Protein backbone atom coordinates (compact mmCIF):
# COMPACT_ATOMS: atom_id res chain seq x y z
CA MET A 1 76.42 127.25 96.35
CA PHE A 2 79.89 126.18 95.32
CA ASP A 3 80.97 122.61 95.87
CA LEU A 4 84.14 121.99 97.86
CA ARG A 5 86.35 121.68 94.80
CA GLU A 6 85.17 125.02 93.46
CA GLN A 7 85.65 126.65 96.86
CA ILE A 8 89.18 125.22 97.05
CA GLU A 9 90.07 126.55 93.60
CA LEU A 10 88.59 129.96 94.41
CA ARG A 11 90.51 130.25 97.71
CA ARG A 12 93.70 129.04 96.03
CA ALA A 13 93.41 131.72 93.34
CA GLU A 14 92.70 134.37 95.98
CA MET A 15 95.71 133.26 98.02
CA ILE A 16 98.02 133.36 95.00
CA GLN A 17 96.80 136.84 94.08
CA LEU A 18 97.35 138.09 97.63
CA ALA A 19 100.81 136.50 97.76
CA GLU A 20 101.82 138.17 94.52
CA GLU A 21 100.60 141.52 95.80
CA TYR A 22 101.71 141.44 99.45
CA GLY A 23 104.30 138.65 99.77
CA LEU A 24 104.11 135.19 101.26
CA LEU A 25 104.38 136.23 104.90
CA ASP A 26 101.57 138.79 104.87
CA GLU A 27 98.78 138.17 107.40
CA GLN A 28 96.13 138.17 104.64
CA VAL A 29 98.00 135.45 102.75
CA LEU A 30 98.45 133.35 105.87
CA ALA A 31 94.76 133.70 106.76
CA LYS A 32 93.72 132.69 103.25
CA SER A 33 96.10 129.72 103.44
CA GLN A 34 94.43 128.61 106.67
CA GLU A 35 91.00 128.90 105.03
CA LEU A 36 92.30 126.80 102.17
CA ASP A 37 93.66 124.19 104.60
CA LEU A 38 90.23 123.87 106.24
CA LEU A 39 88.55 123.38 102.87
CA ILE A 40 91.10 120.79 101.75
CA ASN A 41 90.69 118.91 105.05
CA ALA A 42 86.90 118.95 104.63
CA PHE A 43 87.30 117.67 101.08
CA GLU A 44 89.57 114.83 102.19
CA ARG A 45 87.12 113.85 104.95
CA SER A 46 84.28 113.78 102.44
CA LYS A 47 85.98 111.27 100.15
CA PRO A 48 84.88 107.65 100.49
CA ARG A 49 87.38 105.38 102.15
CA ASN A 50 88.33 101.84 101.23
CA LYS A 51 87.59 100.41 104.66
CA GLY A 52 88.42 96.77 105.04
CA LYS A 53 89.86 96.38 101.58
CA LYS A 54 93.32 94.98 101.34
CA TRP A 55 95.46 95.77 98.38
CA ALA A 56 97.86 93.14 97.15
CA LEU A 57 100.70 93.62 94.76
CA GLN A 58 100.63 90.95 92.11
CA ILE A 59 103.83 90.27 90.27
CA GLY A 60 104.07 88.29 87.11
């Protein structure tokens, strides 16, 4: 089983290949782009968040 990063890279490569072959507005390219969006969203949701932490800019 591929992890999310590998799946993202695979879908991205597939989308680029399809775009080069059929053009950016082709239905196959748009569908692959939507698949990629779902994977990227899942990846972002899986990342730990810095809940409750406040970041302060220190100067000097």
